[in-house]
C-alpha atoms as a PDB file:
ATOM      1  CA  MET A   1       0.015  -0.374   0.358  1.00  0.00           C
ATOM      2  CA  SER A   2       1.352   3.439  -1.288  1.00  0.00           C
ATOM      3  CA  ASP A   3       2.494   5.501   2.030  1.00  0.00           C
ATOM      4  CA  CYS A   4      -0.130   8.586   1.057  1.00  0.00           C
ATOM      5  CA  LEU A   5      -2.965   5.841   0.959  1.00  0.00           C
ATOM      6  CA  GLY A   6      -1.794   4.206   4.654  1.00  0.00           C
ATOM      7  CA  ALA A   7      -2.075   7.506   5.951  1.00  0.00           C
ATOM      8  CA  LYS A   8      -5.256   8.467   5.006  1.00  0.00           C
ATOM      9  CA  ILE A   9      -6.802   4.992   5.899  1.00  0.00           C
ATOM     10  CA  SER A  10      -5.299   5.399   9.012  1.00  0.00           C
ATOM     11  CA  ARG A  11      -6.891   9.083   9.550  1.00  0.00           C
ATOM     12  CA  LEU A  12     -10.007   7.537   8.520  1.00  0.00           C
ATOM     13  CA  VAL A  13      -9.869   4.883  11.246  1.00  0.00           C
ATOM     14  CA  LEU A  14      -9.939   7.964  13.874  1.00  0.00           C
ATOM     15  CA  GLN A  15     -12.421  10.028  11.863  1.00  0.00           C
ATOM     16  CA  ASN A  16     -14.906   6.680  12.425  1.00  0.00           C
ATOM     17  CA  CYS A  17     -16.468   7.882  15.132  1.00  0.00           C
ATOM     18  CA  SER A  18     -18.637  11.034  13.637  1.00  0.00           C
ATOM     19  CA  HIS A  19     -22.258   9.593  12.565  1.00  0.00           C
ATOM     20  CA  GLU A  20     -24.620   7.507  13.837  1.00  0.00           C
ATOM     21  CA  ARG A  21     -24.493   3.839  12.966  1.00  0.00           C
ATOM     22  CA  LEU A  22     -27.955   1.834  12.679  1.00  0.00           C
ATOM     23  CA  GLN A  23     -29.003   0.106  16.133  1.00  0.00           C
ATOM     24  CA  PRO A  24     -30.906  -2.879  16.920  1.00  0.00           C
ATOM     25  CA  PRO A  25     -33.495  -3.815  16.890  1.00  0.00           C
ATOM     26  CA  TYR A  26     -33.977  -3.392  12.984  1.00  0.00           C
ATOM     27  CA  ALA A  27     -36.722  -3.175  10.814  1.00  0.00           C
ATOM     28  CA  ALA A  28     -37.297  -5.776   7.626  1.00  0.00           C
ATOM     29  CA  ASN A  29     -36.010  -3.153   5.090  1.00  0.00           C
ATOM     30  CA  MET A  30     -31.989  -3.047   6.871  1.00  0.00           C
ATOM     31  CA  ALA A  31     -28.908  -4.216   5.170  1.00  0.00           C
ATOM     32  CA  ALA A  32     -25.232  -4.371   5.011  1.00  0.00           C
ATOM     33  CA  VAL A  33     -22.398  -3.926   2.726  1.00  0.00           C
ATOM     34  CA  MET A  34     -18.775  -4.562   2.743  1.00  0.00           C
ATOM     35  CA  LEU A  35     -16.190  -2.499   1.244  1.00  0.00           C
ATOM     36  CA  VAL A  36     -13.440  -4.924   0.844  1.00  0.00           C
ATOM     37  CA  LEU A  37     -10.299  -2.488   0.525  1.00  0.00           C
ATOM     38  CA  PHE A  38      -6.998  -4.800  -0.535  1.00  0.00           C
ATOM     39  CA  LYS A  39      -3.923  -3.584   0.664  1.00  0.00           C
ATOM     40  CA  GLN A  40      -1.347  -4.542  -1.532  1.00  0.00           C
ATOM     41  CA  SER A  41      -2.881  -4.165  -4.811  1.00  0.00           C
ATOM     42  CA  GLU A  42      -5.534  -1.207  -3.624  1.00  0.00           C
ATOM     43  CA  HIS A  43      -8.411  -2.355  -4.965  1.00  0.00           C
ATOM     44  CA  ILE A  44     -12.007  -2.128  -4.334  1.00  0.00           C
ATOM     45  CA  LEU A  45     -13.721  -5.955  -4.336  1.00  0.00           C
ATOM     46  CA  LEU A  46     -17.073  -5.601  -6.340  1.00  0.00           C
ATOM     47  CA  CYS A  47     -19.543  -8.157  -7.749  1.00  0.00           C
ATOM     48  CA  LYS A  48     -21.398  -8.390 -10.746  1.00  0.00           C
ATOM     49  CA  ARG A  49     -24.843  -9.622  -9.706  1.00  0.00           C
ATOM     50  CA  GLN A  50     -26.042 -13.061 -11.515  1.00  0.00           C
ATOM     51  CA  PRO A  51     -28.711 -11.326 -14.623  1.00  0.00           C
ATOM     52  CA  TRP A  52     -31.310 -13.903 -14.002  1.00  0.00           C
ATOM     53  CA  LEU A  53     -31.862 -12.884  -9.866  1.00  0.00           C
ATOM     54  CA  ARG A  54     -35.338 -11.051  -9.591  1.00  0.00           C
ATOM     55  CA  ARG A  55     -33.480  -8.083  -7.813  1.00  0.00           C
ATOM     56  CA  HIS A  56     -30.688  -5.941  -9.385  1.00  0.00           C
ATOM     57  CA  PRO A  57     -29.808  -7.882 -12.164  1.00  0.00           C
ATOM     58  CA  GLY A  58     -26.694  -7.688 -13.786  1.00  0.00           C
ATOM     59  CA  GLN A  59     -26.056  -4.721 -11.514  1.00  0.00           C
ATOM     60  CA  ILE A  60     -22.159  -4.147  -9.878  1.00  0.00           C
ATOM     61  CA  CYS A  61     -22.457  -3.975  -6.395  1.00  0.00           C
ATOM     62  CA  LEU A  62     -20.792  -4.350  -2.748  1.00  0.00           C
ATOM     63  CA  PRO A  63     -20.789  -7.824  -0.879  1.00  0.00           C
ATOM     64  CA  GLY A  64     -23.479  -7.527   1.494  1.00  0.00           C
ATOM     65  CA  GLY A  65     -27.464  -7.994   1.615  1.00  0.00           C
ATOM     66  CA  MET A  66     -30.566  -7.606   3.931  1.00  0.00           C
ATOM     67  CA  HIS A  67     -30.019  -8.731   7.738  1.00  0.00           C
ATOM     68  CA  GLU A  68     -31.155 -11.940   8.777  1.00  0.00           C
ATOM     69  CA  PRO A  69     -32.835 -12.518  12.248  1.00  0.00           C
ATOM     70  CA  LYS A  70     -29.720 -14.975  12.898  1.00  0.00           C
ATOM     71  CA  ASP A  71     -27.415 -12.148  12.393  1.00  0.00           C
ATOM     72  CA  SER A  72     -26.632  -9.870  15.490  1.00  0.00           C
ATOM     73  CA  ASP A  73     -25.791  -7.027  14.399  1.00  0.00           C
ATOM     74  CA  LEU A  74     -25.304  -5.593  10.699  1.00  0.00           C
ATOM     75  CA  LEU A  75     -21.175  -6.304  10.800  1.00  0.00           C
ATOM     76  CA  SER A  76     -22.428  -9.712  10.843  1.00  0.00           C
ATOM     77  CA  THR A  77     -24.538  -9.338   8.208  1.00  0.00           C
ATOM     78  CA  ALA A  78     -21.959  -7.902   6.233  1.00  0.00           C
ATOM     79  CA  ILE A  79     -19.106 -10.532   7.511  1.00  0.00           C
ATOM     80  CA  ARG A  80     -21.839 -12.974   6.324  1.00  0.00           C
ATOM     81  CA  GLU A  81     -23.467 -12.160   3.098  1.00  0.00           C
ATOM     82  CA  THR A  82     -19.565 -11.108   2.119  1.00  0.00           C
ATOM     83  CA  GLN A  83     -18.417 -14.720   2.464  1.00  0.00           C
ATOM     84  CA  GLU A  84     -21.539 -16.155   1.187  1.00  0.00           C
ATOM     85  CA  GLU A  85     -21.062 -14.296  -2.270  1.00  0.00           C
ATOM     86  CA  THR A  86     -16.869 -14.701  -2.763  1.00  0.00           C
ATOM     87  CA  CYS A  87     -15.678 -16.924  -0.212  1.00  0.00           C
ATOM     88  CA  LEU A  88     -13.707 -14.395   2.012  1.00  0.00           C
ATOM     89  CA  ALA A  89     -13.815 -15.498   5.690  1.00  0.00           C
ATOM     90  CA  LEU A  90     -13.468 -12.052   7.570  1.00  0.00           C
ATOM     91  CA  ASP A  91     -12.366 -11.182  10.870  1.00  0.00           C
ATOM     92  CA  ARG A  92     -13.895  -8.510  12.767  1.00  0.00           C
ATOM     93  CA  LYS A  93     -10.356  -7.002  13.391  1.00  0.00           C
ATOM     94  CA  GLN A  94      -9.876  -6.509   9.824  1.00  0.00           C
ATOM     95  CA  ILE A  95     -12.922  -3.747   9.920  1.00  0.00           C
ATOM     96  CA  ILE A  96     -11.181  -1.124   9.993  1.00  0.00           C
ATOM     97  CA  ALA A  97     -14.138   1.686   9.868  1.00  0.00           C
ATOM     98  CA  ASP A  98     -18.005   2.267   8.161  1.00  0.00           C
ATOM     99  CA  LEU A  99     -19.454   4.595   6.642  1.00  0.00           C
ATOM    100  CA  PRO A 100     -22.578   6.656   7.592  1.00  0.00           C
ATOM    101  CA  VAL A 101     -26.193   4.711   6.466  1.00  0.00           C
ATOM    102  CA  SER A 102     -27.310   4.898   2.863  1.00  0.00           C
ATOM    103  CA  ALA A 103     -30.816   4.859   1.701  1.00  0.00           C
ATOM    104  CA  THR A 104     -32.132   3.912  -1.738  1.00  0.00           C
ATOM    105  CA  LEU A 105     -34.856   5.539  -3.314  1.00  0.00           C
ATOM    106  CA  LYS A 106     -37.276   2.335  -2.445  1.00  0.00           C
ATOM    107  CA  GLN A 107     -36.033   3.260   1.640  1.00  0.00           C
ATOM    108  CA  THR A 108     -33.466   0.151   2.273  1.00  0.00           C
ATOM    109  CA  TYR A 109     -31.122   1.833   4.658  1.00  0.00           C
ATOM    110  CA  ILE A 110     -27.772   0.154   3.993  1.00  0.00           C
ATOM    111  CA  GLN A 111     -24.685   0.266   6.805  1.00  0.00           C
ATOM    112  CA  PRO A 112     -21.480   0.513   4.908  1.00  0.00           C
ATOM    113  CA  PHE A 113     -18.599  -1.023   6.621  1.00  0.00           C
ATOM    114  CA  ILE A 114     -14.721  -1.433   5.658  1.00  0.00           C
ATOM    115  CA  ALA A 115     -12.777  -4.507   5.956  1.00  0.00           C
ATOM    116  CA  VAL A 116      -8.881  -4.254   4.790  1.00  0.00           C
ATOM    117  CA  VAL A 117      -7.388  -7.177   3.556  1.00  0.00           C
ATOM    118  CA  ASP A 118      -3.905  -8.012   2.568  1.00  0.00           C
ATOM    119  CA  LYS A 119      -4.575  -9.006  -0.995  1.00  0.00           C
ATOM    120  CA  PRO A 120      -7.395 -11.256  -3.138  1.00  0.00           C
ATOM    121  CA  LYS A 121      -6.748 -14.670  -2.490  1.00  0.00           C
ATOM    122  CA  GLY A 122      -9.247 -17.532  -2.466  1.00  0.00           C
ATOM    123  CA  LEU A 123     -11.735 -16.062  -3.818  1.00  0.00           C
ATOM    124  CA  ILE A 124     -14.843 -17.645  -5.534  1.00  0.00           C
ATOM    125  CA  ALA A 125     -17.826 -15.883  -7.514  1.00  0.00           C
ATOM    126  CA  MET A 126     -20.412 -17.690  -5.769  1.00  0.00           C
ATOM    127  CA  GLU A 127     -22.594 -18.664  -8.767  1.00  0.00           C
ATOM    128  CA  ASP A 128     -26.153 -18.694  -7.657  1.00  0.00           C
ATOM    129  CA  GLU A 129     -25.686 -14.810  -7.048  1.00  0.00           C
ATOM    130  CA  VAL A 130     -22.678 -13.279  -8.406  1.00  0.00           C
ATOM    131  CA  ALA A 131     -21.688 -13.893 -12.004  1.00  0.00           C
ATOM    132  CA  GLU A 132     -18.066 -12.002 -11.647  1.00  0.00           C
ATOM    133  CA  LEU A 133     -16.018 -10.298  -9.090  1.00  0.00           C
ATOM    134  CA  VAL A 134     -14.691  -6.829 -10.085  1.00  0.00           C
ATOM    135  CA  TYR A 135     -11.496  -5.736  -8.520  1.00  0.00           C
ATOM    136  CA  LEU A 136     -11.741  -1.543  -9.212  1.00  0.00           C
ATOM    137  CA  PRO A 137      -8.822   0.070  -8.336  1.00  0.00           C
ATOM    138  CA  LEU A 138      -9.183   1.833  -5.872  1.00  0.00           C
ATOM    139  CA  SER A 139      -7.198   5.334  -7.613  1.00  0.00           C
ATOM    140  CA  VAL A 140     -10.221   5.055 -10.203  1.00  0.00           C
ATOM    141  CA  CYS A 141     -12.444   5.168  -7.322  1.00  0.00           C
ATOM    142  CA  LEU A 142     -10.898   8.905  -5.615  1.00  0.00           C
ATOM    143  CA  ASP A 143      -9.983  10.146  -8.768  1.00  0.00           C
ATOM    144  CA  GLU A 144     -12.977  12.920  -8.589  1.00  0.00           C
ATOM    145  CA  GLN A 145     -12.682  13.909 -11.943  1.00  0.00           C
ATOM    146  CA  ARG A 146     -14.012  10.316 -13.591  1.00  0.00           C
ATOM    147  CA  TRP A 147     -17.241  10.650 -11.487  1.00  0.00           C
ATOM    148  CA  GLN A 148     -20.321  11.336 -13.268  1.00  0.00           C
ATOM    149  CA  PHE A 149     -23.766  12.294 -12.023  1.00  0.00           C
ATOM    150  CA  SER A 150     -27.551  12.266 -13.248  1.00  0.00           C
ATOM    151  CA  LEU A 151     -30.204  14.508 -12.421  1.00  0.00           C
ATOM    152  CA  ILE A 152     -33.638  12.402 -11.359  1.00  0.00           C
ATOM    153  CA  ASN A 153     -36.742  13.557 -10.040  1.00  0.00           C
ATOM    154  CA  VAL A 154     -37.596  11.849  -7.315  1.00  0.00           C
ATOM    155  CA  SER A 155     -40.885  12.683  -5.503  1.00  0.00           C
ATOM    156  CA  GLY A 156     -40.971  16.172  -7.606  1.00  0.00           C
ATOM    157  CA  ARG A 157     -38.028  16.836  -6.759  1.00  0.00           C
ATOM    158  CA  SER A 158     -34.611  16.875  -8.628  1.00  0.00           C
ATOM    159  CA  VAL A 159     -31.742  14.723  -6.813  1.00  0.00           C
ATOM    160  CA  LYS A 160     -28.548  14.898  -8.609  1.00  0.00           C
ATOM    161  CA  LEU A 161     -26.663  10.871  -8.718  1.00  0.00           C
ATOM    162  CA  PRO A 162     -23.318  10.220  -8.978  1.00  0.00           C
ATOM    163  CA  PHE A 163     -22.107   6.894 -11.026  1.00  0.00           C
ATOM    164  CA  LEU A 164     -18.641   5.884 -12.727  1.00  0.00           C
ATOM    165  CA  ILE A 165     -17.672   3.654 -15.917  1.00  0.00           C
ATOM    166  CA  TRP A 166     -15.093   1.892 -15.682  1.00  0.00           C
ATOM    167  CA  GLN A 167     -14.102  -0.456 -17.974  1.00  0.00           C
ATOM    168  CA  ARG A 168     -16.952  -2.184 -18.876  1.00  0.00           C
ATOM    169  CA  HIS A 169     -19.150  -1.539 -16.199  1.00  0.00           C
ATOM    170  CA  CYS A 170     -21.533   0.961 -15.125  1.00  0.00           C
ATOM    171  CA  ILE A 171     -21.548   1.543 -10.920  1.00  0.00           C
ATOM    172  CA  TRP A 172     -24.503   2.998  -9.900  1.00  0.00           C
ATOM    173  CA  GLY A 173     -27.500   3.401  -7.063  1.00  0.00           C
ATOM    174  CA  ALA A 174     -26.614   2.927  -3.739  1.00  0.00           C
ATOM    175  CA  THR A 175     -23.068   1.469  -4.886  1.00  0.00           C
ATOM    176  CA  ALA A 176     -21.566   4.165  -6.714  1.00  0.00           C
ATOM    177  CA  ARG A 177     -23.325   6.219  -4.058  1.00  0.00           C
ATOM    178  CA  ILE A 178     -21.200   4.334  -0.955  1.00  0.00           C
ATOM    179  CA  LEU A 179     -17.912   4.549  -3.289  1.00  0.00           C
ATOM    180  CA  PHE A 180     -18.421   8.233  -3.680  1.00  0.00           C
ATOM    181  CA  GLN A 181     -19.104   8.911   0.314  1.00  0.00           C
ATOM    182  CA  LEU A 182     -15.700   6.889   0.385  1.00  0.00           C
ATOM    183  CA  CYS A 183     -13.812   8.472  -2.089  1.00  0.00           C
ATOM    184  CA  GLU A 184     -14.686  11.759  -0.171  1.00  0.00           C
ATOM    185  CA  ARG A 185     -14.096  11.156   3.058  1.00  0.00           C
ATOM    186  CA  LEU A 186     -10.695   9.638   1.908  1.00  0.00           C
ATOM    187  CA  ASN A 187      -9.610  12.775  -0.186  1.00  0.00           C
ATOM    188  CA  LYS A 188     -10.757  14.847   2.348  1.00  0.00           C
ATOM    189  CA  THR A 189      -8.213  12.882   4.727  1.00  0.00           C
END
């Protein structure tokens, strides 16, 4: 990991307590995702969803999903879903920070967590949900010039939403908003 990025991530850990987290009991519309940063290659792990899935078919997403009653908290949800989708078994010690909750247009509330892993090894796209694993260079995510914005109408008001085109992928929606949040936070440190 470059010295500059290492310093930014260290400051991110120190700033981590500046926002509210979702607390139990969790409603049915609560989800959690994991921003997995690979230290050695400086990439972020993303998943491309299978085209036949009912929800968000073919979209690029962060590993994660809906909270289930068996999960003790939203971090447990993010860890479980990451392993189910990518075979990456995370330890809570690898979770360095979280980001503020993000809400989708359909009112699903998503708690993003950030994990740092040395290198991607033993990862497998679990074919029942994930068509392929995508490794987004952190440098692409942090380059504010690469981000584009779209205005959409939500309940009579215009909302500016970020999206990112990288290689053959369009990263948009909640995933793009969370990645852009990470970009803004790391670029401020």
